[in-house]
Every structure is written in C-alpha cells, then in structure tokens.
C-alpha cells in the first residue's frame, strides 16, 4: 500500500459520516435487543461474537508473520487463540488488539451492506 492510498483510507475512516436513516437505527436497536434478550438467540449471538473475536486474533497473527498454533471456542463461549512468534513488537500488539476490533468490524460491514439496500 502506498502512502497516498493509506492517507486516503485514513481520511475516509475518520471523516464525519452522514446520519443513517432513522428506520435503520431503530431496526438495528430492535435486532440488538432481540439478540441479547432472547434466551434462544443470545447463546448463538454470543458464540458468533466469540468466533469473530478469535478469528480477528488468528487473521492478524497470520498477516503479521506469526505462526498460528490453534483456535478454540469452548461450549461456554470462552475462546482462545494460540500463535507463536516474538513475544514483543508490533506483531503481538496487533494480534492482541485485533480480537477486540474484529467483532465491531464484522458488524460495520453488515451494517454497511444493509444500509446500501435501504
């Protein structure tokens, strides 16, 4: 990625965005409430978030040159990702941070694809 592409991407990421339609905001709020409040949906939602979280760790571990040793999601929705590489430096920092950013990025992409259809 050259510097101009990175700068353009950065400006797009931090620029003010237009307000989404009110109906989209309300639909997302209702979907989130159902995902959290429903005894049938919540266990699945929780597992999906854990998979996205652990997948973020795993993907960035590979992208930063670390060796992926394994990913496990337990029945109680706890998860762990093992990677091998230097215990210091940008690779481990990015790998650690990615797990926390990945579920939000997945949700942002879903929101974006839904809002394009509204």
N, C-alpha and C. Protein backbone atom coordinates (compact mmCIF):
# COMPACT_ATOMS: atom_id res chain seq x y z
N UNK A 1 0.85 -1.17 0.00
CA UNK A 1 0.00 0.00 0.00
C UNK A 1 0.90 1.23 0.00
N UNK A 2 0.67 2.12 -0.94
CA UNK A 2 1.50 3.32 -0.99
C UNK A 2 0.93 4.37 -0.03
N UNK A 3 1.71 5.42 0.17
CA UNK A 3 1.35 6.44 1.15
C UNK A 3 0.04 7.16 0.79
N UNK A 4 -0.18 7.43 -0.49
CA UNK A 4 -1.40 8.13 -0.91
C UNK A 4 -2.64 7.30 -0.61
N UNK A 5 -2.55 6.00 -0.85
CA UNK A 5 -3.68 5.11 -0.56
C UNK A 5 -3.96 5.08 0.93
N UNK A 6 -2.90 4.97 1.73
CA UNK A 6 -3.06 4.95 3.18
C UNK A 6 -3.68 6.24 3.69
N UNK A 7 -3.20 7.38 3.19
CA UNK A 7 -3.73 8.67 3.63
C UNK A 7 -5.21 8.79 3.25
N UNK A 8 -5.56 8.37 2.03
CA UNK A 8 -6.97 8.41 1.61
C UNK A 8 -7.84 7.51 2.48
N UNK A 9 -7.33 6.32 2.78
CA UNK A 9 -8.05 5.39 3.65
C UNK A 9 -8.23 5.97 5.05
N UNK A 10 -7.18 6.58 5.57
CA UNK A 10 -7.24 7.18 6.90
C UNK A 10 -8.28 8.30 6.93
N UNK A 11 -8.26 9.18 5.94
CA UNK A 11 -9.23 10.29 5.91
C UNK A 11 -10.66 9.78 5.80
N UNK A 12 -10.86 8.73 5.03
CA UNK A 12 -12.20 8.14 4.92
C UNK A 12 -12.65 7.52 6.24
N UNK A 13 -11.71 6.90 6.96
CA UNK A 13 -12.04 6.23 8.21
C UNK A 13 -12.41 7.21 9.32
N UNK A 14 -11.77 8.38 9.33
CA UNK A 14 -12.00 9.32 10.44
C UNK A 14 -12.90 10.49 10.06
N UNK A 15 -13.34 10.56 8.81
CA UNK A 15 -14.20 11.66 8.37
C UNK A 15 -15.61 11.50 8.94
N UNK A 16 -16.28 12.62 9.08
CA UNK A 16 -17.68 12.59 9.54
C UNK A 16 -18.52 11.86 8.50
N UNK A 17 -19.42 11.03 8.98
CA UNK A 17 -20.28 10.24 8.11
C UNK A 17 -21.69 10.82 8.17
N UNK A 18 -22.46 10.65 7.09
CA UNK A 18 -23.85 11.13 7.14
C UNK A 18 -24.66 10.28 8.12
N UNK A 19 -25.68 10.89 8.68
CA UNK A 19 -26.55 10.18 9.60
C UNK A 19 -27.29 9.06 8.86
N UNK A 20 -27.36 7.89 9.46
CA UNK A 20 -28.12 6.82 8.81
C UNK A 20 -29.62 7.10 8.94
N UNK A 21 -30.41 6.50 8.10
CA UNK A 21 -31.87 6.71 8.22
C UNK A 21 -32.37 6.25 9.60
N UNK A 22 -33.34 6.97 10.12
CA UNK A 22 -33.88 6.67 11.44
C UNK A 22 -34.41 5.24 11.53
N UNK A 23 -35.06 4.78 10.46
CA UNK A 23 -35.62 3.43 10.46
C UNK A 23 -34.51 2.38 10.58
N UNK A 24 -33.36 2.64 9.99
CA UNK A 24 -32.23 1.72 10.09
C UNK A 24 -31.70 1.67 11.53
N UNK A 25 -31.60 2.83 12.16
CA UNK A 25 -31.14 2.88 13.54
C UNK A 25 -32.10 2.12 14.45
N UNK A 26 -33.40 2.33 14.27
CA UNK A 26 -34.39 1.63 15.09
C UNK A 26 -34.37 0.13 14.82
N UNK A 27 -34.22 -0.27 13.56
CA UNK A 27 -34.16 -1.70 13.23
C UNK A 27 -32.94 -2.35 13.87
N UNK A 28 -31.81 -1.67 13.86
CA UNK A 28 -30.60 -2.21 14.49
C UNK A 28 -30.77 -2.31 16.00
N UNK A 29 -31.43 -1.31 16.59
CA UNK A 29 -31.66 -1.35 18.04
C UNK A 29 -32.57 -2.51 18.42
N UNK A 30 -33.61 -2.73 17.64
CA UNK A 30 -34.53 -3.85 17.91
C UNK A 30 -33.80 -5.18 17.73
N UNK A 31 -33.00 -5.29 16.66
CA UNK A 31 -32.24 -6.53 16.43
C UNK A 31 -31.26 -6.79 17.57
N UNK A 32 -30.60 -5.75 18.05
CA UNK A 32 -29.67 -5.92 19.17
C UNK A 32 -30.40 -6.33 20.44
N UNK A 33 -31.55 -5.73 20.69
CA UNK A 33 -32.34 -6.11 21.87
C UNK A 33 -32.78 -7.56 21.80
N UNK A 34 -33.23 -7.98 20.63
CA UNK A 34 -33.64 -9.39 20.46
C UNK A 34 -32.44 -10.32 20.65
N UNK A 35 -31.30 -9.93 20.10
CA UNK A 35 -30.10 -10.78 20.21
C UNK A 35 -29.65 -10.95 21.65
N UNK A 36 -29.87 -9.94 22.48
CA UNK A 36 -29.43 -10.00 23.88
C UNK A 36 -30.52 -10.54 24.80
N UNK A 37 -31.76 -10.20 24.54
CA UNK A 37 -32.84 -10.55 25.47
C UNK A 37 -33.43 -11.94 25.25
N UNK A 38 -33.31 -12.48 24.07
CA UNK A 38 -33.91 -13.77 23.76
C UNK A 38 -33.07 -14.92 24.30
N UNK A 39 -33.70 -15.82 25.01
CA UNK A 39 -32.98 -16.99 25.54
C UNK A 39 -32.55 -17.94 24.44
N UNK A 40 -33.22 -17.89 23.30
CA UNK A 40 -32.84 -18.77 22.18
C UNK A 40 -31.76 -18.13 21.32
N UNK A 41 -31.83 -16.84 21.12
CA UNK A 41 -30.90 -16.17 20.22
C UNK A 41 -29.59 -15.81 20.91
N UNK A 42 -29.63 -15.46 22.19
CA UNK A 42 -28.43 -15.00 22.89
C UNK A 42 -27.28 -16.00 22.86
N UNK A 43 -27.48 -17.29 23.13
CA UNK A 43 -26.33 -18.21 23.06
C UNK A 43 -25.67 -18.25 21.68
N UNK A 44 -26.47 -18.17 20.64
CA UNK A 44 -25.91 -18.16 19.29
C UNK A 44 -25.18 -16.85 19.03
N UNK A 45 -25.78 -15.73 19.42
CA UNK A 45 -25.15 -14.42 19.24
C UNK A 45 -23.81 -14.36 19.96
N UNK A 46 -23.80 -14.84 21.16
CA UNK A 46 -22.59 -14.83 21.99
C UNK A 46 -21.48 -15.66 21.34
N UNK A 47 -21.85 -16.80 20.77
CA UNK A 47 -20.88 -17.66 20.10
C UNK A 47 -20.35 -16.99 18.83
N UNK A 48 -21.23 -16.34 18.08
CA UNK A 48 -20.80 -15.64 16.86
C UNK A 48 -19.80 -14.54 17.20
N UNK A 49 -20.04 -13.79 18.27
CA UNK A 49 -19.12 -12.74 18.68
C UNK A 49 -17.77 -13.34 19.09
N UNK A 50 -17.79 -14.46 19.80
CA UNK A 50 -16.55 -15.11 20.20
C UNK A 50 -15.77 -15.60 18.99
N UNK A 51 -16.46 -16.18 18.02
CA UNK A 51 -15.79 -16.65 16.80
C UNK A 51 -15.16 -15.47 16.05
N UNK A 52 -15.88 -14.36 15.94
CA UNK A 52 -15.33 -13.16 15.29
C UNK A 52 -14.11 -12.65 16.05
N UNK A 53 -14.20 -12.63 17.37
CA UNK A 53 -13.10 -12.17 18.23
C UNK A 53 -11.85 -13.03 18.02
N UNK A 54 -12.01 -14.34 18.14
CA UNK A 54 -10.87 -15.24 17.99
C UNK A 54 -10.37 -15.25 16.55
N UNK A 55 -11.29 -15.12 15.59
CA UNK A 55 -10.89 -15.03 14.18
C UNK A 55 -10.05 -13.80 13.90
N UNK A 56 -10.37 -12.69 14.57
CA UNK A 56 -9.56 -11.47 14.43
C UNK A 56 -8.14 -11.70 14.91
N UNK A 57 -8.01 -12.33 16.08
CA UNK A 57 -6.66 -12.66 16.57
C UNK A 57 -5.93 -13.52 15.55
N UNK A 58 -6.59 -14.57 15.06
CA UNK A 58 -5.95 -15.53 14.16
C UNK A 58 -5.54 -14.88 12.83
N UNK A 59 -6.44 -14.11 12.24
CA UNK A 59 -6.15 -13.48 10.95
C UNK A 59 -4.95 -12.54 11.05
N UNK A 60 -4.95 -11.69 12.06
CA UNK A 60 -3.86 -10.73 12.18
C UNK A 60 -2.56 -11.42 12.58
N UNK A 61 -2.65 -12.49 13.36
CA UNK A 61 -1.44 -13.26 13.67
C UNK A 61 -0.79 -13.73 12.37
N UNK A 62 -1.58 -14.27 11.46
CA UNK A 62 -1.05 -14.74 10.18
C UNK A 62 -0.53 -13.58 9.33
N UNK A 63 -1.27 -12.48 9.30
CA UNK A 63 -0.86 -11.33 8.49
C UNK A 63 0.41 -10.67 8.99
N UNK A 64 0.71 -10.80 10.27
CA UNK A 64 1.92 -10.19 10.83
C UNK A 64 3.09 -11.17 10.89
N UNK A 65 2.91 -12.35 10.30
CA UNK A 65 4.01 -13.29 10.23
C UNK A 65 4.15 -14.23 11.41
N UNK A 66 3.18 -14.21 12.30
CA UNK A 66 3.23 -15.15 13.42
C UNK A 66 2.72 -16.51 12.93
N UNK A 67 3.08 -17.56 13.63
CA UNK A 67 2.61 -18.91 13.29
C UNK A 67 1.38 -19.20 14.12
N UNK A 68 0.30 -19.52 13.44
CA UNK A 68 -0.95 -19.83 14.14
C UNK A 68 -0.89 -21.27 14.63
N UNK A 69 -1.02 -21.44 15.94
CA UNK A 69 -0.94 -22.78 16.54
C UNK A 69 -2.33 -23.37 16.77
N UNK A 70 -3.35 -22.56 16.89
CA UNK A 70 -4.69 -23.09 17.07
C UNK A 70 -5.67 -22.06 17.55
N UNK A 71 -6.95 -22.37 17.34
CA UNK A 71 -8.06 -21.54 17.80
C UNK A 71 -9.07 -22.49 18.43
N UNK A 72 -9.57 -22.13 19.60
CA UNK A 72 -10.57 -22.98 20.26
C UNK A 72 -11.68 -22.09 20.82
N UNK A 73 -12.91 -22.50 20.55
CA UNK A 73 -14.09 -21.86 21.16
C UNK A 73 -14.76 -22.94 22.00
N UNK A 74 -14.87 -22.70 23.29
CA UNK A 74 -15.43 -23.68 24.21
C UNK A 74 -16.96 -23.59 24.22
N UNK A 75 -17.60 -24.61 24.76
CA UNK A 75 -19.06 -24.66 24.83
C UNK A 75 -19.64 -23.49 25.63
N UNK A 76 -18.89 -22.97 26.59
CA UNK A 76 -19.38 -21.83 27.38
C UNK A 76 -19.10 -20.49 26.69
N UNK A 77 -18.68 -20.54 25.44
CA UNK A 77 -18.36 -19.41 24.55
C UNK A 77 -17.07 -18.69 24.90
N UNK A 78 -16.29 -19.23 25.81
CA UNK A 78 -14.95 -18.69 26.02
C UNK A 78 -14.11 -19.16 24.84
N UNK A 79 -13.11 -18.39 24.48
CA UNK A 79 -12.27 -18.78 23.37
C UNK A 79 -10.82 -18.45 23.63
N UNK A 80 -9.94 -19.09 22.86
CA UNK A 80 -8.51 -18.83 22.97
C UNK A 80 -7.88 -19.06 21.60
N UNK A 81 -6.93 -18.21 21.27
CA UNK A 81 -6.15 -18.35 20.04
C UNK A 81 -4.69 -18.42 20.42
N UNK A 82 -4.00 -19.42 19.88
CA UNK A 82 -2.57 -19.58 20.16
C UNK A 82 -1.79 -19.24 18.90
N UNK A 83 -0.78 -18.40 19.07
CA UNK A 83 0.14 -18.12 17.97
C UNK A 83 1.55 -18.08 18.53
N UNK A 84 2.50 -18.34 17.67
CA UNK A 84 3.90 -18.36 18.08
C UNK A 84 4.65 -17.30 17.30
N UNK A 85 5.60 -16.69 17.96
CA UNK A 85 6.41 -15.64 17.35
C UNK A 85 7.07 -14.83 18.44
N UNK A 86 7.63 -13.71 18.05
CA UNK A 86 8.28 -12.85 19.04
C UNK A 86 7.27 -12.42 20.11
N UNK A 87 7.67 -12.44 21.38
CA UNK A 87 6.76 -12.04 22.44
C UNK A 87 6.65 -10.52 22.59
N UNK A 88 7.40 -9.78 21.80
CA UNK A 88 7.34 -8.32 21.83
C UNK A 88 7.26 -7.81 20.40
N UNK A 89 6.95 -6.56 20.25
CA UNK A 89 6.94 -5.94 18.94
C UNK A 89 5.55 -5.75 18.38
N UNK A 90 5.48 -5.21 17.16
CA UNK A 90 4.18 -4.88 16.57
C UNK A 90 3.31 -6.09 16.28
N UNK A 91 3.91 -7.25 15.97
CA UNK A 91 3.11 -8.43 15.65
C UNK A 91 2.21 -8.85 16.78
N UNK A 92 2.75 -8.94 17.97
CA UNK A 92 1.94 -9.36 19.12
C UNK A 92 0.96 -8.26 19.53
N UNK A 93 1.36 -7.02 19.40
CA UNK A 93 0.46 -5.92 19.75
C UNK A 93 -0.75 -5.91 18.81
N UNK A 94 -0.50 -6.01 17.51
CA UNK A 94 -1.60 -6.01 16.54
C UNK A 94 -2.48 -7.25 16.69
N UNK A 95 -1.84 -8.40 16.95
CA UNK A 95 -2.60 -9.63 17.13
C UNK A 95 -3.53 -9.52 18.33
N UNK A 96 -3.02 -8.96 19.41
CA UNK A 96 -3.83 -8.80 20.62
C UNK A 96 -4.99 -7.83 20.37
N UNK A 97 -4.71 -6.71 19.76
CA UNK A 97 -5.74 -5.69 19.53
C UNK A 97 -6.81 -6.17 18.55
N UNK A 98 -6.41 -6.98 17.59
CA UNK A 98 -7.33 -7.38 16.52
C UNK A 98 -8.54 -8.14 17.03
N UNK A 99 -8.39 -8.93 18.06
CA UNK A 99 -9.51 -9.69 18.58
C UNK A 99 -10.62 -8.78 19.09
N UNK A 100 -10.23 -7.64 19.63
CA UNK A 100 -11.23 -6.72 20.18
C UNK A 100 -11.85 -5.86 19.10
N UNK A 101 -11.13 -5.67 18.01
CA UNK A 101 -11.66 -4.84 16.92
C UNK A 101 -12.46 -5.66 15.90
N UNK A 102 -12.19 -6.94 15.79
CA UNK A 102 -12.81 -7.77 14.74
C UNK A 102 -14.33 -7.85 14.83
N UNK A 103 -14.95 -8.09 16.00
CA UNK A 103 -16.42 -8.15 16.01
C UNK A 103 -17.06 -6.84 15.55
N UNK A 104 -16.47 -5.73 15.93
CA UNK A 104 -17.01 -4.44 15.51
C UNK A 104 -16.86 -4.25 14.00
N UNK A 105 -15.73 -4.67 13.46
CA UNK A 105 -15.52 -4.55 12.02
C UNK A 105 -16.51 -5.44 11.26
N UNK A 106 -16.75 -6.62 11.75
CA UNK A 106 -17.75 -7.51 11.13
C UNK A 106 -19.12 -6.84 11.15
N UNK A 107 -19.48 -6.26 12.28
CA UNK A 107 -20.77 -5.59 12.40
C UNK A 107 -20.85 -4.38 11.48
N UNK A 108 -19.76 -3.64 11.37
CA UNK A 108 -19.74 -2.47 10.49
C UNK A 108 -19.99 -2.90 9.05
N UNK A 109 -19.40 -4.00 8.64
CA UNK A 109 -19.59 -4.48 7.27
C UNK A 109 -21.03 -4.94 7.04
N UNK A 110 -21.63 -5.57 8.02
CA UNK A 110 -23.03 -5.97 7.90
C UNK A 110 -23.92 -4.73 7.83
N UNK A 111 -23.69 -3.77 8.72
CA UNK A 111 -24.46 -2.52 8.69
C UNK A 111 -24.35 -1.83 7.34
N UNK A 112 -23.13 -1.78 6.81
CA UNK A 112 -22.90 -1.12 5.54
C UNK A 112 -23.65 -1.82 4.41
N UNK A 113 -23.63 -3.15 4.40
CA UNK A 113 -24.32 -3.86 3.34
C UNK A 113 -25.83 -3.72 3.47
N UNK A 114 -26.33 -3.64 4.71
CA UNK A 114 -27.77 -3.45 4.92
C UNK A 114 -28.17 -2.04 4.54
N UNK A 115 -27.36 -1.03 4.93
CA UNK A 115 -27.74 0.36 4.65
C UNK A 115 -27.69 0.65 3.16
N UNK A 116 -26.87 -0.07 2.40
CA UNK A 116 -26.84 0.12 0.95
C UNK A 116 -28.16 -0.31 0.31
N UNK A 117 -28.88 -1.19 0.99
CA UNK A 117 -30.14 -1.69 0.44
C UNK A 117 -31.34 -0.83 0.86
N UNK A 118 -31.15 0.06 1.83
CA UNK A 118 -32.28 0.86 2.31
C UNK A 118 -32.41 2.03 1.41
